[in-house]
N, C-alpha and C. Protein backbone atom coordinates (compact mmCIF):
# COMPACT_ATOMS: atom_id res chain seq x y z
N UNK A 1 10.69 5.25 16.61
CA UNK A 1 11.20 5.88 15.40
C UNK A 1 10.25 5.61 14.25
N UNK A 2 9.86 6.65 13.54
CA UNK A 2 8.97 6.52 12.41
C UNK A 2 9.78 6.25 11.15
N UNK A 3 9.35 5.26 10.41
CA UNK A 3 10.00 4.94 9.13
C UNK A 3 9.34 5.79 8.05
N UNK A 4 10.17 6.51 7.30
CA UNK A 4 9.65 7.33 6.21
C UNK A 4 9.62 6.49 4.94
N UNK A 5 8.42 6.39 4.37
CA UNK A 5 8.22 5.55 3.19
C UNK A 5 7.67 6.40 2.05
N UNK A 6 8.27 6.24 0.88
CA UNK A 6 7.72 6.82 -0.35
C UNK A 6 6.92 5.71 -1.03
N UNK A 7 5.64 5.96 -1.24
CA UNK A 7 4.76 4.98 -1.90
C UNK A 7 4.71 5.31 -3.39
N UNK A 8 5.14 4.36 -4.20
CA UNK A 8 5.11 4.50 -5.65
C UNK A 8 4.01 3.57 -6.14
N UNK A 9 3.01 4.15 -6.77
CA UNK A 9 1.86 3.35 -7.19
C UNK A 9 1.66 3.45 -8.69
N UNK A 10 1.21 2.34 -9.26
CA UNK A 10 0.91 2.28 -10.68
C UNK A 10 -0.59 2.04 -10.81
N UNK A 11 -1.23 2.86 -11.63
CA UNK A 11 -2.66 2.71 -11.93
C UNK A 11 -3.52 2.70 -10.66
N UNK A 12 -3.21 3.61 -9.74
CA UNK A 12 -4.00 3.71 -8.51
C UNK A 12 -5.35 4.34 -8.85
N UNK A 13 -6.43 3.73 -8.40
CA UNK A 13 -7.74 4.33 -8.66
C UNK A 13 -7.86 5.68 -7.95
N UNK A 14 -8.55 6.61 -8.57
CA UNK A 14 -8.75 7.93 -7.98
C UNK A 14 -9.45 7.82 -6.63
N UNK A 15 -10.28 6.80 -6.46
CA UNK A 15 -11.01 6.65 -5.19
C UNK A 15 -10.05 6.44 -4.02
N UNK A 16 -8.91 5.80 -4.24
CA UNK A 16 -7.93 5.59 -3.17
C UNK A 16 -7.33 6.91 -2.72
N UNK A 17 -7.00 7.76 -3.67
CA UNK A 17 -6.45 9.09 -3.34
C UNK A 17 -7.49 9.93 -2.62
N UNK A 18 -8.71 9.88 -3.09
CA UNK A 18 -9.79 10.65 -2.46
C UNK A 18 -10.04 10.16 -1.04
N UNK A 19 -9.96 8.85 -0.82
CA UNK A 19 -10.16 8.30 0.52
C UNK A 19 -9.06 8.79 1.47
N UNK A 20 -7.80 8.78 1.02
CA UNK A 20 -6.70 9.28 1.86
C UNK A 20 -6.92 10.75 2.21
N UNK A 21 -7.37 11.54 1.23
CA UNK A 21 -7.62 12.95 1.48
C UNK A 21 -8.75 13.12 2.50
N UNK A 22 -9.79 12.31 2.38
CA UNK A 22 -10.92 12.39 3.32
C UNK A 22 -10.48 12.04 4.73
N UNK A 23 -9.70 10.99 4.89
CA UNK A 23 -9.21 10.58 6.21
C UNK A 23 -8.35 11.68 6.83
N UNK A 24 -7.52 12.30 6.01
CA UNK A 24 -6.66 13.38 6.49
C UNK A 24 -7.50 14.58 6.94
N UNK A 25 -8.49 14.95 6.13
CA UNK A 25 -9.36 16.08 6.48
C UNK A 25 -10.12 15.81 7.78
N UNK A 26 -10.62 14.60 7.94
CA UNK A 26 -11.36 14.25 9.16
C UNK A 26 -10.45 14.33 10.38
N UNK A 27 -9.22 13.85 10.25
CA UNK A 27 -8.27 13.91 11.37
C UNK A 27 -8.00 15.37 11.73
N UNK A 28 -7.79 16.22 10.75
CA UNK A 28 -7.52 17.63 11.01
C UNK A 28 -8.72 18.31 11.67
N UNK A 29 -9.92 17.97 11.22
CA UNK A 29 -11.13 18.56 11.81
C UNK A 29 -11.30 18.15 13.27
N UNK A 30 -10.79 16.98 13.62
CA UNK A 30 -10.87 16.49 14.99
C UNK A 30 -9.69 16.97 15.84
N UNK A 31 -8.82 17.78 15.25
CA UNK A 31 -7.66 18.30 15.97
C UNK A 31 -6.53 17.29 16.11
N UNK A 32 -6.57 16.23 15.33
CA UNK A 32 -5.53 15.20 15.38
C UNK A 32 -4.49 15.47 14.30
N UNK A 33 -3.30 14.97 14.54
CA UNK A 33 -2.25 15.04 13.53
C UNK A 33 -2.38 13.82 12.63
N UNK A 34 -2.64 14.03 11.35
CA UNK A 34 -2.79 12.87 10.46
C UNK A 34 -1.47 12.15 10.23
N UNK A 35 -1.57 10.88 9.95
CA UNK A 35 -0.40 10.07 9.60
C UNK A 35 0.18 10.61 8.29
N UNK A 36 1.48 10.96 8.26
CA UNK A 36 2.03 11.48 7.01
C UNK A 36 2.03 10.41 5.92
N UNK A 37 1.74 10.85 4.71
CA UNK A 37 1.74 9.95 3.56
C UNK A 37 2.48 10.64 2.43
N UNK A 38 3.45 9.96 1.88
CA UNK A 38 4.23 10.49 0.77
C UNK A 38 4.09 9.52 -0.38
N UNK A 39 3.58 9.99 -1.50
CA UNK A 39 3.38 9.07 -2.60
C UNK A 39 3.38 9.75 -3.96
N UNK A 40 3.72 8.96 -4.94
CA UNK A 40 3.63 9.37 -6.34
C UNK A 40 2.90 8.25 -7.07
N UNK A 41 2.20 8.64 -8.11
CA UNK A 41 1.40 7.67 -8.84
C UNK A 41 1.67 7.79 -10.33
N UNK A 42 1.75 6.67 -10.98
CA UNK A 42 1.97 6.62 -12.42
C UNK A 42 0.76 6.00 -13.09
N UNK A 43 0.47 6.45 -14.30
CA UNK A 43 -0.67 5.91 -15.04
C UNK A 43 -0.43 4.48 -15.49
N UNK A 44 0.82 4.13 -15.77
CA UNK A 44 1.11 2.81 -16.31
C UNK A 44 2.49 2.33 -15.86
N UNK A 45 2.70 1.04 -15.99
CA UNK A 45 4.00 0.46 -15.66
C UNK A 45 5.11 1.03 -16.55
N UNK A 46 4.90 1.14 -17.87
CA UNK A 46 5.96 1.74 -18.70
C UNK A 46 6.35 3.15 -18.25
N UNK A 47 5.38 3.94 -17.81
CA UNK A 47 5.69 5.29 -17.33
C UNK A 47 6.56 5.22 -16.08
N UNK A 48 6.21 4.32 -15.15
CA UNK A 48 7.01 4.18 -13.93
C UNK A 48 8.43 3.71 -14.26
N UNK A 49 8.53 2.74 -15.17
CA UNK A 49 9.85 2.20 -15.51
C UNK A 49 10.70 3.20 -16.29
N UNK A 50 10.08 4.17 -16.93
CA UNK A 50 10.84 5.23 -17.60
C UNK A 50 11.47 6.17 -16.58
N UNK A 51 10.85 6.30 -15.42
CA UNK A 51 11.39 7.15 -14.36
C UNK A 51 12.37 6.36 -13.49
N UNK A 52 11.94 5.20 -13.01
CA UNK A 52 12.77 4.39 -12.12
C UNK A 52 13.51 3.33 -12.93
N UNK A 53 14.49 3.79 -13.70
CA UNK A 53 15.31 2.89 -14.51
C UNK A 53 16.31 2.16 -13.59
N UNK A 54 16.91 1.07 -14.07
CA UNK A 54 17.91 0.39 -13.25
C UNK A 54 19.05 1.32 -12.80
N UNK A 55 19.55 2.18 -13.69
CA UNK A 55 20.63 3.10 -13.32
C UNK A 55 20.18 4.09 -12.24
N UNK A 56 18.95 4.55 -12.34
CA UNK A 56 18.45 5.49 -11.34
C UNK A 56 18.21 4.80 -10.00
N UNK A 57 17.75 3.57 -10.03
CA UNK A 57 17.58 2.83 -8.77
C UNK A 57 18.94 2.55 -8.14
N UNK A 58 19.95 2.27 -8.96
CA UNK A 58 21.31 2.10 -8.46
C UNK A 58 21.79 3.40 -7.80
N UNK A 59 21.50 4.53 -8.44
CA UNK A 59 21.87 5.83 -7.90
C UNK A 59 21.19 6.06 -6.55
N UNK A 60 19.90 5.76 -6.44
CA UNK A 60 19.17 5.94 -5.19
C UNK A 60 19.78 5.08 -4.09
N UNK A 61 20.04 3.81 -4.39
CA UNK A 61 20.61 2.90 -3.38
C UNK A 61 21.99 3.39 -2.93
N UNK A 62 22.82 3.81 -3.87
CA UNK A 62 24.16 4.29 -3.53
C UNK A 62 24.08 5.55 -2.67
N UNK A 63 23.22 6.47 -3.08
CA UNK A 63 23.08 7.72 -2.36
C UNK A 63 22.53 7.49 -0.95
N UNK A 64 21.61 6.57 -0.82
CA UNK A 64 21.06 6.25 0.51
C UNK A 64 22.17 5.71 1.41
N UNK A 65 23.03 4.87 0.87
CA UNK A 65 24.11 4.27 1.66
C UNK A 65 25.20 5.31 2.01
N UNK A 66 25.47 6.25 1.09
CA UNK A 66 26.58 7.20 1.29
C UNK A 66 26.19 8.46 2.03
N UNK A 67 24.94 8.86 1.91
CA UNK A 67 24.53 10.14 2.49
C UNK A 67 24.66 11.25 1.46
N UNK A 68 24.38 12.48 1.87
CA UNK A 68 24.36 13.61 0.93
C UNK A 68 25.68 13.79 0.17
N UNK A 69 25.53 14.00 -1.14
CA UNK A 69 26.68 14.24 -2.02
C UNK A 69 26.32 15.31 -3.04
N UNK A 70 27.33 15.97 -3.55
CA UNK A 70 27.10 16.85 -4.70
C UNK A 70 26.86 15.96 -5.92
N UNK A 71 26.26 16.51 -6.93
CA UNK A 71 26.02 15.72 -8.15
C UNK A 71 27.34 15.31 -8.77
N UNK A 72 28.33 16.21 -8.75
CA UNK A 72 29.65 15.88 -9.31
C UNK A 72 30.30 14.73 -8.54
N UNK A 73 30.23 14.76 -7.22
CA UNK A 73 30.81 13.68 -6.41
C UNK A 73 30.06 12.38 -6.64
N UNK A 74 28.76 12.48 -6.80
CA UNK A 74 27.96 11.29 -7.07
C UNK A 74 28.34 10.68 -8.41
N UNK A 75 28.48 11.49 -9.43
CA UNK A 75 28.88 11.00 -10.76
C UNK A 75 30.25 10.34 -10.70
N UNK A 76 31.20 10.95 -10.00
CA UNK A 76 32.54 10.35 -9.89
C UNK A 76 32.47 9.01 -9.16
N UNK A 77 31.73 8.97 -8.06
CA UNK A 77 31.65 7.74 -7.27
C UNK A 77 30.99 6.61 -8.06
N UNK A 78 30.01 6.95 -8.88
CA UNK A 78 29.32 5.93 -9.68
C UNK A 78 30.05 5.63 -10.99
N UNK A 79 31.12 6.42 -11.26
CA UNK A 79 31.90 6.28 -12.51
C UNK A 79 30.98 6.44 -13.73
N UNK A 80 30.15 7.51 -13.65
CA UNK A 80 29.20 7.81 -14.72
C UNK A 80 29.41 9.24 -15.20
N UNK A 81 28.95 9.53 -16.39
CA UNK A 81 29.02 10.85 -16.98
C UNK A 81 28.20 11.84 -16.16
N UNK A 82 28.81 13.00 -15.87
CA UNK A 82 28.14 14.01 -15.04
C UNK A 82 26.79 14.41 -15.62
N UNK A 83 26.73 14.65 -16.92
CA UNK A 83 25.49 15.11 -17.56
C UNK A 83 24.37 14.08 -17.37
N UNK A 84 24.70 12.81 -17.52
CA UNK A 84 23.69 11.76 -17.34
C UNK A 84 23.22 11.69 -15.89
N UNK A 85 24.15 11.78 -14.95
CA UNK A 85 23.79 11.75 -13.53
C UNK A 85 22.96 12.98 -13.18
N UNK A 86 23.34 14.12 -13.71
CA UNK A 86 22.57 15.35 -13.47
C UNK A 86 21.13 15.18 -13.95
N UNK A 87 20.92 14.61 -15.12
CA UNK A 87 19.58 14.35 -15.63
C UNK A 87 18.81 13.37 -14.76
N UNK A 88 19.50 12.33 -14.31
CA UNK A 88 18.86 11.35 -13.42
C UNK A 88 18.45 12.00 -12.10
N UNK A 89 19.32 12.83 -11.56
CA UNK A 89 19.01 13.52 -10.30
C UNK A 89 17.80 14.42 -10.49
N UNK A 90 17.74 15.16 -11.58
CA UNK A 90 16.60 16.06 -11.83
C UNK A 90 15.30 15.26 -11.90
N UNK A 91 15.31 14.12 -12.59
CA UNK A 91 14.10 13.30 -12.70
C UNK A 91 13.71 12.72 -11.35
N UNK A 92 14.67 12.26 -10.59
CA UNK A 92 14.38 11.66 -9.29
C UNK A 92 13.89 12.70 -8.28
N UNK A 93 14.37 13.92 -8.38
CA UNK A 93 13.85 15.00 -7.53
C UNK A 93 12.41 15.30 -7.92
N UNK A 94 12.15 15.36 -9.22
CA UNK A 94 10.79 15.64 -9.70
C UNK A 94 9.79 14.60 -9.18
N UNK A 95 10.22 13.35 -9.09
CA UNK A 95 9.34 12.27 -8.64
C UNK A 95 9.53 11.94 -7.16
N UNK A 96 10.15 12.84 -6.41
CA UNK A 96 10.26 12.80 -4.94
C UNK A 96 11.17 11.71 -4.38
N UNK A 97 11.90 11.00 -5.21
CA UNK A 97 12.75 9.92 -4.71
C UNK A 97 13.99 10.44 -3.99
N UNK A 98 14.47 11.61 -4.40
CA UNK A 98 15.60 12.25 -3.71
C UNK A 98 15.28 13.73 -3.53
N UNK A 99 16.06 14.40 -2.67
CA UNK A 99 15.89 15.82 -2.42
C UNK A 99 17.26 16.49 -2.36
N UNK A 100 17.24 17.81 -2.41
CA UNK A 100 18.45 18.62 -2.20
C UNK A 100 18.39 19.21 -0.80
N UNK A 101 19.54 19.22 -0.12
CA UNK A 101 19.57 19.89 1.19
C UNK A 101 19.94 21.36 0.99
N UNK A 102 20.07 22.07 2.09
CA UNK A 102 20.30 23.52 2.02
C UNK A 102 21.61 23.90 1.34
N UNK A 103 22.61 23.01 1.35
CA UNK A 103 23.87 23.34 0.68
C UNK A 103 23.96 22.78 -0.74
N UNK A 104 22.84 22.26 -1.25
CA UNK A 104 22.78 21.82 -2.65
C UNK A 104 23.12 20.36 -2.89
N UNK A 105 23.55 19.66 -1.83
CA UNK A 105 23.85 18.24 -2.02
C UNK A 105 22.54 17.46 -2.07
N UNK A 106 22.57 16.33 -2.78
CA UNK A 106 21.37 15.50 -2.92
C UNK A 106 21.43 14.34 -1.94
N UNK A 107 20.25 13.90 -1.51
CA UNK A 107 20.17 12.80 -0.55
C UNK A 107 18.83 12.09 -0.70
N UNK A 108 18.73 10.91 -0.12
CA UNK A 108 17.50 10.13 -0.13
C UNK A 108 16.85 10.30 1.24
N UNK A 109 15.66 10.92 1.29
CA UNK A 109 15.02 11.15 2.59
C UNK A 109 14.22 9.96 3.12
N UNK A 110 14.19 8.87 2.37
CA UNK A 110 13.33 7.73 2.69
C UNK A 110 14.10 6.59 3.31
N UNK A 111 13.42 5.87 4.18
CA UNK A 111 13.95 4.61 4.71
C UNK A 111 13.57 3.47 3.76
N UNK A 112 12.45 3.64 3.08
CA UNK A 112 11.96 2.62 2.14
C UNK A 112 11.26 3.31 0.98
N UNK A 113 11.30 2.66 -0.16
CA UNK A 113 10.46 3.03 -1.30
C UNK A 113 9.64 1.79 -1.59
N UNK A 114 8.34 1.93 -1.43
CA UNK A 114 7.42 0.81 -1.61
C UNK A 114 6.70 0.97 -2.95
N UNK A 115 6.77 -0.06 -3.78
CA UNK A 115 6.12 -0.02 -5.09
C UNK A 115 4.88 -0.91 -5.05
N UNK A 116 3.77 -0.34 -5.49
CA UNK A 116 2.51 -1.07 -5.53
C UNK A 116 2.09 -1.18 -7.00
N UNK A 117 2.01 -2.40 -7.48
CA UNK A 117 1.64 -2.67 -8.86
C UNK A 117 0.47 -3.66 -8.89
N UNK A 118 -0.74 -3.16 -9.06
CA UNK A 118 -1.87 -4.09 -9.08
C UNK A 118 -1.87 -4.91 -10.36
N UNK A 119 -2.27 -6.14 -10.22
CA UNK A 119 -2.43 -7.01 -11.39
C UNK A 119 -3.89 -6.91 -11.83
N UNK A 120 -4.10 -6.29 -12.94
CA UNK A 120 -5.45 -6.05 -13.42
C UNK A 120 -5.88 -7.17 -14.34
N UNK A 121 -7.16 -7.34 -14.44
CA UNK A 121 -7.70 -8.33 -15.37
C UNK A 121 -8.16 -9.58 -14.65
N UNK A 122 -8.62 -10.51 -15.45
CA UNK A 122 -9.20 -11.74 -14.96
C UNK A 122 -8.11 -12.75 -14.57
N UNK A 123 -8.32 -13.39 -13.42
CA UNK A 123 -7.38 -14.41 -12.95
C UNK A 123 -7.50 -15.65 -13.83
N UNK A 124 -6.40 -16.38 -13.98
CA UNK A 124 -6.39 -17.58 -14.82
C UNK A 124 -7.05 -18.75 -14.12
């Protein structure tokens, strides 16, 4: 069984993305199926934290445990305002953390969300 992972990266160098693209292209040229990679990248930690707020992470965890729900059912279950949950769902869809299925319910397609935060600068 393949584990589906969403890679969330902060301040990823462009060379890392280019390397992944090169490896994928080489695999395709050789007739191989490349390893799937799903990722989003943020320029800074504050940008990432503006998207993945504590309330949104709570929503993702709840949705992963419950399975697909309508936004209204999700808001009721979380005891949160529908408008706020709707906004959170829209942001999380934009950043690939959740998806909508064919009947419009939202769900978490990932087994894991892995966050990579490099520590930049000189070591103490």
